Amino acid sequence: MKNKKERLQLILSLVKKNSIGSQHELAQLLKENGCDVTQATLSRDLKSMKITKVATNDGGYMYIIPDNNRLQDSMLMSGRHSMTAHQQVGFISIKISGNIVVIKTRNGYAAGLAYDIDMSHSDEVLGTIAGADTVFAIMREGLSHEEALKFFARFIPIDQTHL
């Protein structure tokens, strides 16, 4: 591997495409792709990209790239357009009942999405609760469903197929 940028791009690609449960497993995949790194370097890389490990339904773990990680765009995607909400991986559906919004995601993606929503410090959302594949968001009283969907469109790809 020629440089750090290429290594980080490879890590990002591997984490997106594989269910990786340990640094050792990730290091092996990197080595198979021509990038031999130490555990310390890999640990620093994961931390710098804010890649986190979450529990899976089968009792194991997997690395995910939280949706709030815009650092990856500036570090890794030079020359490309930044990732928009419509390109994010992991979103399945959104449903609204009163002032409660239920967002379904792929396993392991809900915590990152809930974090993004909470860190927006929006007046529209009172708070979130995340599981492995579901986010519950409590909206302020009086917010219309259309206003809620407009707010969530900042974080997830909302179109009629997901409603």
N, C-alpha and C. Protein backbone atom coordinates (compact mmCIF):
# COMPACT_ATOMS: atom_id res chain seq x y z
N MET A 1 0.86 -1.17 0.00
CA MET A 1 0.00 0.00 0.00
C MET A 1 0.90 1.23 0.00
N LYS A 2 0.61 2.14 -0.88
CA LYS A 2 1.49 3.28 -1.08
C LYS A 2 1.37 4.34 0.00
N ASN A 3 0.15 4.64 0.43
CA ASN A 3 0.03 5.73 1.40
C ASN A 3 -1.18 5.54 2.31
N LYS A 4 -1.25 6.41 3.29
CA LYS A 4 -2.30 6.32 4.29
C LYS A 4 -3.69 6.48 3.66
N LYS A 5 -3.81 7.41 2.73
CA LYS A 5 -5.11 7.64 2.10
C LYS A 5 -5.63 6.37 1.43
N GLU A 6 -4.78 5.67 0.71
CA GLU A 6 -5.20 4.42 0.06
C GLU A 6 -5.56 3.36 1.09
N ARG A 7 -4.79 3.30 2.18
CA ARG A 7 -5.08 2.33 3.24
C ARG A 7 -6.44 2.62 3.87
N LEU A 8 -6.73 3.90 4.14
CA LEU A 8 -8.00 4.27 4.73
C LEU A 8 -9.16 3.97 3.78
N GLN A 9 -8.95 4.21 2.50
CA GLN A 9 -9.99 3.89 1.52
C GLN A 9 -10.25 2.39 1.50
N LEU A 10 -9.19 1.59 1.59
CA LEU A 10 -9.35 0.13 1.60
C LEU A 10 -10.09 -0.32 2.86
N ILE A 11 -9.74 0.24 4.01
CA ILE A 11 -10.43 -0.10 5.26
C ILE A 11 -11.91 0.24 5.14
N LEU A 12 -12.21 1.41 4.64
CA LEU A 12 -13.59 1.84 4.47
C LEU A 12 -14.35 0.87 3.57
N SER A 13 -13.76 0.50 2.48
CA SER A 13 -14.38 -0.43 1.53
C SER A 13 -14.62 -1.79 2.17
N LEU A 14 -13.63 -2.31 2.88
CA LEU A 14 -13.75 -3.62 3.51
C LEU A 14 -14.84 -3.63 4.58
N VAL A 15 -14.89 -2.57 5.39
CA VAL A 15 -15.90 -2.50 6.45
C VAL A 15 -17.30 -2.39 5.87
N LYS A 16 -17.44 -1.65 4.77
CA LYS A 16 -18.75 -1.51 4.14
C LYS A 16 -19.24 -2.82 3.53
N LYS A 17 -18.32 -3.61 2.98
CA LYS A 17 -18.69 -4.80 2.21
C LYS A 17 -18.68 -6.10 2.99
N ASN A 18 -18.10 -6.09 4.21
CA ASN A 18 -17.94 -7.33 4.97
C ASN A 18 -18.45 -7.15 6.39
N SER A 19 -18.84 -8.25 7.00
CA SER A 19 -19.14 -8.25 8.42
C SER A 19 -17.86 -8.65 9.14
N ILE A 20 -17.15 -7.66 9.65
CA ILE A 20 -15.84 -7.87 10.26
C ILE A 20 -15.98 -7.72 11.77
N GLY A 21 -15.56 -8.73 12.52
CA GLY A 21 -15.78 -8.74 13.96
C GLY A 21 -14.58 -8.41 14.82
N SER A 22 -13.38 -8.31 14.23
CA SER A 22 -12.20 -8.03 15.06
C SER A 22 -11.13 -7.31 14.24
N GLN A 23 -10.21 -6.67 14.95
CA GLN A 23 -9.09 -6.03 14.27
C GLN A 23 -8.22 -7.07 13.58
N HIS A 24 -8.08 -8.22 14.20
CA HIS A 24 -7.29 -9.30 13.58
C HIS A 24 -7.89 -9.70 12.24
N GLU A 25 -9.21 -9.87 12.21
CA GLU A 25 -9.90 -10.23 10.97
C GLU A 25 -9.72 -9.14 9.91
N LEU A 26 -9.84 -7.87 10.33
CA LEU A 26 -9.66 -6.76 9.40
C LEU A 26 -8.23 -6.70 8.90
N ALA A 27 -7.27 -6.93 9.79
CA ALA A 27 -5.86 -6.93 9.39
C ALA A 27 -5.58 -8.02 8.35
N GLN A 28 -6.22 -9.20 8.52
CA GLN A 28 -6.05 -10.28 7.56
C GLN A 28 -6.60 -9.89 6.19
N LEU A 29 -7.78 -9.26 6.18
CA LEU A 29 -8.38 -8.81 4.92
C LEU A 29 -7.50 -7.74 4.26
N LEU A 30 -6.96 -6.85 5.07
CA LEU A 30 -6.07 -5.83 4.52
C LEU A 30 -4.84 -6.48 3.89
N LYS A 31 -4.27 -7.45 4.59
CA LYS A 31 -3.08 -8.15 4.08
C LYS A 31 -3.39 -8.85 2.76
N GLU A 32 -4.56 -9.49 2.68
CA GLU A 32 -4.97 -10.16 1.44
C GLU A 32 -5.12 -9.17 0.29
N ASN A 33 -5.31 -7.90 0.63
CA ASN A 33 -5.47 -6.85 -0.38
C ASN A 33 -4.21 -6.00 -0.52
N GLY A 34 -3.06 -6.55 -0.08
CA GLY A 34 -1.78 -5.90 -0.29
C GLY A 34 -1.41 -4.83 0.71
N CYS A 35 -2.03 -4.84 1.87
CA CYS A 35 -1.75 -3.81 2.87
C CYS A 35 -1.46 -4.48 4.22
N ASP A 36 -0.20 -4.57 4.56
CA ASP A 36 0.21 -5.19 5.83
C ASP A 36 0.38 -4.09 6.87
N VAL A 37 -0.46 -4.08 7.91
CA VAL A 37 -0.41 -3.02 8.93
C VAL A 37 -0.26 -3.65 10.31
N THR A 38 0.29 -2.86 11.21
CA THR A 38 0.38 -3.29 12.61
C THR A 38 -0.96 -3.06 13.29
N GLN A 39 -1.16 -3.72 14.41
CA GLN A 39 -2.39 -3.55 15.17
C GLN A 39 -2.52 -2.11 15.64
N ALA A 40 -1.42 -1.49 16.04
CA ALA A 40 -1.45 -0.10 16.53
C ALA A 40 -1.89 0.86 15.42
N THR A 41 -1.36 0.66 14.21
CA THR A 41 -1.75 1.50 13.08
C THR A 41 -3.22 1.30 12.75
N LEU A 42 -3.65 0.05 12.73
CA LEU A 42 -5.05 -0.24 12.42
C LEU A 42 -5.96 0.39 13.47
N SER A 43 -5.60 0.29 14.72
CA SER A 43 -6.39 0.88 15.79
C SER A 43 -6.50 2.39 15.61
N ARG A 44 -5.40 3.06 15.29
CA ARG A 44 -5.42 4.51 15.04
C ARG A 44 -6.29 4.84 13.84
N ASP A 45 -6.19 4.04 12.79
CA ASP A 45 -7.00 4.28 11.59
C ASP A 45 -8.48 4.17 11.90
N LEU A 46 -8.87 3.12 12.62
CA LEU A 46 -10.28 2.93 12.97
C LEU A 46 -10.79 4.10 13.81
N LYS A 47 -9.97 4.53 14.75
CA LYS A 47 -10.35 5.65 15.61
C LYS A 47 -10.49 6.93 14.80
N SER A 48 -9.56 7.19 13.89
CA SER A 48 -9.60 8.44 13.12
C SER A 48 -10.82 8.49 12.20
N MET A 49 -11.29 7.33 11.74
CA MET A 49 -12.47 7.29 10.87
C MET A 49 -13.76 7.08 11.66
N LYS A 50 -13.64 7.00 12.98
CA LYS A 50 -14.78 6.81 13.88
C LYS A 50 -15.55 5.52 13.59
N ILE A 51 -14.83 4.51 13.10
CA ILE A 51 -15.43 3.21 12.87
C ILE A 51 -15.60 2.54 14.23
N THR A 52 -16.79 2.04 14.48
CA THR A 52 -17.09 1.46 15.79
C THR A 52 -17.54 0.02 15.65
N LYS A 53 -17.48 -0.69 16.76
CA LYS A 53 -17.91 -2.09 16.79
C LYS A 53 -19.24 -2.15 17.53
N VAL A 54 -20.20 -2.86 16.94
CA VAL A 54 -21.51 -3.02 17.56
C VAL A 54 -21.84 -4.50 17.69
N ALA A 55 -22.70 -4.81 18.64
CA ALA A 55 -23.14 -6.19 18.84
C ALA A 55 -24.09 -6.61 17.73
N THR A 56 -24.00 -7.86 17.32
CA THR A 56 -24.90 -8.40 16.32
C THR A 56 -25.92 -9.29 16.99
N ASN A 57 -26.97 -9.65 16.28
CA ASN A 57 -28.03 -10.49 16.84
C ASN A 57 -27.54 -11.89 17.21
N ASP A 58 -26.45 -12.34 16.59
CA ASP A 58 -25.96 -13.70 16.87
C ASP A 58 -24.94 -13.75 18.02
N GLY A 59 -24.81 -12.64 18.75
CA GLY A 59 -23.91 -12.60 19.90
C GLY A 59 -22.49 -12.19 19.56
N GLY A 60 -22.22 -11.94 18.31
CA GLY A 60 -20.90 -11.49 17.89
C GLY A 60 -20.84 -9.98 17.79
N TYR A 61 -19.84 -9.50 17.06
CA TYR A 61 -19.65 -8.08 16.86
C TYR A 61 -19.32 -7.82 15.40
N MET A 62 -19.55 -6.58 14.98
CA MET A 62 -19.14 -6.17 13.65
C MET A 62 -18.81 -4.68 13.66
N TYR A 63 -17.89 -4.29 12.79
CA TYR A 63 -17.54 -2.88 12.65
C TYR A 63 -18.54 -2.20 11.73
N ILE A 64 -18.89 -0.95 12.09
CA ILE A 64 -19.75 -0.14 11.24
C ILE A 64 -19.15 1.25 11.12
N ILE A 65 -19.56 1.93 10.08
CA ILE A 65 -19.17 3.31 9.88
C ILE A 65 -20.40 4.14 10.22
N PRO A 66 -20.37 4.85 11.33
CA PRO A 66 -21.54 5.63 11.72
C PRO A 66 -21.90 6.64 10.65
N ASP A 67 -23.22 6.88 10.49
CA ASP A 67 -23.69 7.82 9.48
C ASP A 67 -23.22 9.24 9.76
N ASN A 68 -22.85 9.55 10.99
CA ASN A 68 -22.40 10.89 11.31
C ASN A 68 -20.97 11.13 10.89
N ASN A 69 -20.32 10.17 10.31
CA ASN A 69 -18.90 10.27 10.02
C ASN A 69 -18.64 10.98 8.70
N ARG A 70 -18.67 12.30 8.72
CA ARG A 70 -18.38 13.08 7.53
C ARG A 70 -16.87 13.21 7.33
N LEU A 71 -16.08 12.85 8.34
CA LEU A 71 -14.64 12.86 8.22
C LEU A 71 -14.20 11.96 7.08
N GLN A 72 -14.85 10.83 6.91
CA GLN A 72 -14.47 9.91 5.85
C GLN A 72 -14.59 10.58 4.49
N ASP A 73 -15.59 11.44 4.32
CA ASP A 73 -15.75 12.11 3.04
C ASP A 73 -14.58 13.03 2.74
N SER A 74 -14.20 13.84 3.71
CA SER A 74 -13.12 14.78 3.47
C SER A 74 -11.78 14.08 3.34
N MET A 75 -11.58 12.99 4.09
CA MET A 75 -10.30 12.28 4.05
C MET A 75 -10.19 11.35 2.86
N LEU A 76 -11.29 10.68 2.52
CA LEU A 76 -11.20 9.58 1.59
C LEU A 76 -11.79 9.83 0.22
N MET A 77 -12.69 10.75 0.12
CA MET A 77 -13.45 10.89 -1.11
C MET A 77 -13.03 12.12 -1.92
N SER A 78 -11.78 12.53 -1.82
CA SER A 78 -11.35 13.70 -2.58
C SER A 78 -11.54 13.41 -4.06
N GLY A 79 -12.04 14.43 -4.75
CA GLY A 79 -12.32 14.27 -6.17
C GLY A 79 -13.69 13.68 -6.45
N ARG A 80 -14.39 13.25 -5.41
CA ARG A 80 -15.75 12.73 -5.57
C ARG A 80 -16.69 13.64 -4.81
N HIS A 81 -17.96 13.51 -5.11
CA HIS A 81 -18.95 14.26 -4.35
C HIS A 81 -19.09 13.64 -2.98
N SER A 82 -19.37 14.47 -1.98
CA SER A 82 -19.59 13.95 -0.64
C SER A 82 -20.81 13.05 -0.62
N MET A 83 -20.79 12.09 0.29
CA MET A 83 -21.92 11.17 0.43
C MET A 83 -23.13 11.95 0.93
N THR A 84 -24.24 11.78 0.29
CA THR A 84 -25.48 12.41 0.73
C THR A 84 -26.30 11.39 1.48
N ALA A 85 -27.34 11.86 2.12
CA ALA A 85 -28.22 10.95 2.85
C ALA A 85 -28.79 9.89 1.91
N HIS A 86 -29.00 10.24 0.64
CA HIS A 86 -29.59 9.29 -0.29
C HIS A 86 -28.63 8.19 -0.70
N GLN A 87 -27.35 8.30 -0.33
CA GLN A 87 -26.38 7.28 -0.66
C GLN A 87 -26.02 6.42 0.55
N GLN A 88 -26.56 6.76 1.70
CA GLN A 88 -26.20 6.03 2.89
C GLN A 88 -26.73 4.60 2.82
N VAL A 89 -25.97 3.71 3.39
CA VAL A 89 -26.34 2.31 3.43
C VAL A 89 -26.97 2.02 4.79
N GLY A 90 -27.97 1.16 4.81
CA GLY A 90 -28.50 0.72 6.09
C GLY A 90 -29.94 1.08 6.35
N PHE A 91 -30.47 2.11 5.74
CA PHE A 91 -31.84 2.54 5.98
C PHE A 91 -32.83 1.58 5.31
N ILE A 92 -33.90 1.22 6.04
CA ILE A 92 -34.93 0.34 5.49
C ILE A 92 -36.27 1.06 5.36
N SER A 93 -36.78 1.62 6.47
CA SER A 93 -38.10 2.26 6.40
C SER A 93 -38.28 3.27 7.52
N ILE A 94 -39.31 4.09 7.36
CA ILE A 94 -39.69 5.07 8.39
C ILE A 94 -41.20 5.07 8.50
N LYS A 95 -41.70 5.07 9.72
CA LYS A 95 -43.15 5.11 9.99
C LYS A 95 -43.38 6.14 11.09
N ILE A 96 -44.51 6.84 11.02
CA ILE A 96 -44.84 7.86 12.01
C ILE A 96 -46.21 7.54 12.60
N SER A 97 -46.29 7.61 13.93
CA SER A 97 -47.55 7.46 14.64
C SER A 97 -47.61 8.56 15.69
N GLY A 98 -48.47 9.53 15.48
CA GLY A 98 -48.53 10.66 16.40
C GLY A 98 -47.22 11.41 16.38
N ASN A 99 -46.59 11.53 17.55
CA ASN A 99 -45.30 12.21 17.58
C ASN A 99 -44.14 11.21 17.76
N ILE A 100 -44.38 9.94 17.46
CA ILE A 100 -43.34 8.91 17.53
C ILE A 100 -42.97 8.49 16.12
N VAL A 101 -41.67 8.48 15.85
CA VAL A 101 -41.16 8.05 14.55
C VAL A 101 -40.37 6.77 14.78
N VAL A 102 -40.64 5.76 13.95
CA VAL A 102 -39.93 4.48 14.03
C VAL A 102 -39.16 4.31 12.73
N ILE A 103 -37.84 4.24 12.87
CA ILE A 103 -36.97 4.08 11.71
C ILE A 103 -36.31 2.72 11.80
N LYS A 104 -36.51 1.91 10.76
CA LYS A 104 -35.88 0.58 10.69
C LYS A 104 -34.61 0.68 9.85
N THR A 105 -33.55 0.02 10.33
CA THR A 105 -32.26 0.01 9.65
C THR A 105 -31.76 -1.42 9.55
N ARG A 106 -30.69 -1.60 8.83
CA ARG A 106 -30.00 -2.88 8.88
C ARG A 106 -29.39 -3.03 10.27
N ASN A 107 -29.13 -4.25 10.66
CA ASN A 107 -28.57 -4.53 11.97
C ASN A 107 -27.26 -3.76 12.15
N GLY A 108 -27.16 -3.05 13.27
CA GLY A 108 -25.94 -2.33 13.61
C GLY A 108 -25.91 -0.88 13.20
N TYR A 109 -26.89 -0.41 12.46
CA TYR A 109 -26.87 0.95 11.95
C TYR A 109 -27.69 1.93 12.78
N ALA A 110 -28.56 1.45 13.63
CA ALA A 110 -29.48 2.33 14.36
C ALA A 110 -28.76 3.28 15.32
N ALA A 111 -27.75 2.80 16.02
CA ALA A 111 -27.06 3.65 17.00
C ALA A 111 -26.40 4.85 16.34
N GLY A 112 -25.76 4.65 15.21
CA GLY A 112 -25.12 5.76 14.51
C GLY A 112 -26.13 6.77 14.02
N LEU A 113 -27.26 6.28 13.51
CA LEU A 113 -28.32 7.18 13.04
C LEU A 113 -28.91 7.97 14.20
N ALA A 114 -29.19 7.29 15.31
CA ALA A 114 -29.74 7.99 16.48
C ALA A 114 -28.77 9.05 16.99
N TYR A 115 -27.50 8.73 16.97
CA TYR A 115 -26.48 9.70 17.39
C TYR A 115 -26.51 10.93 16.49
N ASP A 116 -26.58 10.71 15.17
CA ASP A 116 -26.65 11.83 14.24
C ASP A 116 -27.86 12.71 14.52
N ILE A 117 -29.00 12.08 14.75
CA ILE A 117 -30.23 12.83 15.02
C ILE A 117 -30.08 13.63 16.31
N ASP A 118 -29.58 12.99 17.36
CA ASP A 118 -29.40 13.68 18.64
C ASP A 118 -28.40 14.83 18.53
N MET A 119 -27.32 14.63 17.78
CA MET A 119 -26.28 15.65 17.67
C MET A 119 -26.70 16.82 16.77
N SER A 120 -27.84 16.69 16.09
CA SER A 120 -28.32 17.82 15.29
C SER A 120 -28.88 18.92 16.21
N HIS A 121 -29.15 18.57 17.47
CA HIS A 121 -29.67 19.51 18.47
C HIS A 121 -30.88 20.27 17.91
N SER A 122 -31.74 19.54 17.28
CA SER A 122 -32.91 20.11 16.63
C SER A 122 -34.05 20.32 17.61
N ASP A 123 -34.83 21.35 17.35
CA ASP A 123 -36.03 21.58 18.15
C ASP A 123 -37.14 20.60 17.80
N GLU A 124 -37.03 19.94 16.64
CA GLU A 124 -38.06 19.02 16.20
C GLU A 124 -38.07 17.72 16.99
N VAL A 125 -36.88 17.27 17.44
CA VAL A 125 -36.76 15.97 18.11
C VAL A 125 -36.45 16.17 19.59
N LEU A 126 -37.26 15.55 20.44
CA LEU A 126 -37.02 15.62 21.88
C LEU A 126 -35.93 14.64 22.30
N GLY A 127 -35.83 13.51 21.58
CA GLY A 127 -34.81 12.52 21.89
C GLY A 127 -35.02 11.25 21.08
N THR A 128 -34.03 10.37 21.16
CA THR A 128 -34.10 9.10 20.44
C THR A 128 -33.73 7.95 21.36
N ILE A 129 -34.17 6.76 20.98
CA ILE A 129 -33.75 5.51 21.61
C ILE A 129 -33.39 4.58 20.47
N ALA A 130 -32.20 3.98 20.54
CA ALA A 130 -31.76 3.10 19.46
C ALA A 130 -31.56 1.68 19.95
N GLY A 131 -31.99 0.75 19.13
CA GLY A 131 -31.67 -0.65 19.32
C GLY A 131 -30.64 -1.03 18.28
N ALA A 132 -30.57 -2.29 17.92
CA ALA A 132 -29.62 -2.73 16.90
C ALA A 132 -30.08 -2.34 15.51
N ASP A 133 -31.42 -2.40 15.28
CA ASP A 133 -31.92 -2.12 13.94
C ASP A 133 -33.14 -1.20 13.92
N THR A 134 -33.40 -0.51 15.04
CA THR A 134 -34.56 0.37 15.12
C THR A 134 -34.22 1.61 15.92
N VAL A 135 -34.68 2.76 15.42
CA VAL A 135 -34.57 4.02 16.15
C VAL A 135 -35.98 4.51 16.44
N PHE A 136 -36.26 4.82 17.71
CA PHE A 136 -37.49 5.50 18.10
C PHE A 136 -37.12 6.95 18.33
N ALA A 137 -37.80 7.86 17.66
CA ALA A 137 -37.58 9.28 17.86
C ALA A 137 -38.89 9.91 18.33
N ILE A 138 -38.80 10.71 19.37
CA ILE A 138 -39.97 11.42 19.87
C ILE A 138 -39.90 12.84 19.34
N MET A 139 -40.94 13.21 18.58
CA MET A 139 -41.00 14.54 17.98
C MET A 139 -41.75 15.49 18.91
N ARG A 140 -41.48 16.76 18.77
CA ARG A 140 -42.20 17.74 19.60
C ARG A 140 -43.68 17.75 19.20
N GLU A 141 -44.53 18.12 20.14
CA GLU A 141 -45.97 18.20 19.89
C GLU A 141 -46.25 19.20 18.78
N GLY A 142 -47.23 18.88 17.95
CA GLY A 142 -47.68 19.81 16.93
C GLY A 142 -46.91 19.76 15.63
N LEU A 143 -45.89 18.92 15.54
CA LEU A 143 -45.11 18.80 14.30
C LEU A 143 -45.89 17.91 13.33
N SER A 144 -46.12 18.40 12.13
CA SER A 144 -46.86 17.59 11.15
C SER A 144 -45.98 16.46 10.65
N HIS A 145 -46.60 15.45 10.09
CA HIS A 145 -45.85 14.32 9.53
C HIS A 145 -44.96 14.80 8.38
N GLU A 146 -45.46 15.75 7.60
CA GLU A 146 -44.66 16.29 6.50
C GLU A 146 -43.41 17.00 7.03
N GLU A 147 -43.56 17.78 8.11
CA GLU A 147 -42.41 18.45 8.71
C GLU A 147 -41.42 17.44 9.28
N ALA A 148 -41.95 16.38 9.88
CA ALA A 148 -41.08 15.34 10.43
C ALA A 148 -40.30 14.66 9.31
N LEU A 149 -40.97 14.31 8.22
CA LEU A 149 -40.29 13.66 7.10
C LEU A 149 -39.24 14.58 6.49
N LYS A 150 -39.55 15.86 6.41
CA LYS A 150 -38.57 16.82 5.89
C LYS A 150 -37.34 16.86 6.79
N PHE A 151 -37.55 16.83 8.11
CA PHE A 151 -36.44 16.82 9.05
C PHE A 151 -35.58 15.55 8.86
N PHE A 152 -36.22 14.38 8.80
CA PHE A 152 -35.48 13.13 8.71
C PHE A 152 -34.81 12.94 7.35
N ALA A 153 -35.28 13.64 6.34
CA ALA A 153 -34.64 13.56 5.02
C ALA A 153 -33.19 14.06 5.07
N ARG A 154 -32.82 14.78 6.12
CA ARG A 154 -31.43 15.20 6.29
C ARG A 154 -30.53 14.02 6.64
N PHE A 155 -31.11 12.95 7.15
CA PHE A 155 -30.35 11.82 7.66
C PHE A 155 -30.53 10.52 6.88
N ILE A 156 -31.69 10.37 6.27
CA ILE A 156 -32.01 9.11 5.60
C ILE A 156 -32.67 9.39 4.26
N PRO A 157 -32.58 8.45 3.32
CA PRO A 157 -33.22 8.64 2.02
C PRO A 157 -34.71 8.34 2.11
N ILE A 158 -35.51 9.38 2.12
CA ILE A 158 -36.96 9.20 2.24
C ILE A 158 -37.59 9.38 0.87
N ASP A 159 -38.31 8.36 0.45
CA ASP A 159 -39.16 8.44 -0.73
C ASP A 159 -40.36 7.56 -0.49
N GLN A 160 -41.27 7.54 -1.39
CA GLN A 160 -42.53 6.83 -1.19
C GLN A 160 -42.34 5.32 -1.01
N THR A 161 -41.24 4.75 -1.49
CA THR A 161 -41.04 3.31 -1.36
C THR A 161 -40.71 2.90 0.06
N HIS A 162 -40.29 3.85 0.89
CA HIS A 162 -39.93 3.52 2.27
C HIS A 162 -41.06 3.82 3.26
N LEU A 163 -42.13 4.40 2.80
CA LEU A 163 -43.20 4.80 3.70
C LEU A 163 -44.26 3.73 3.82
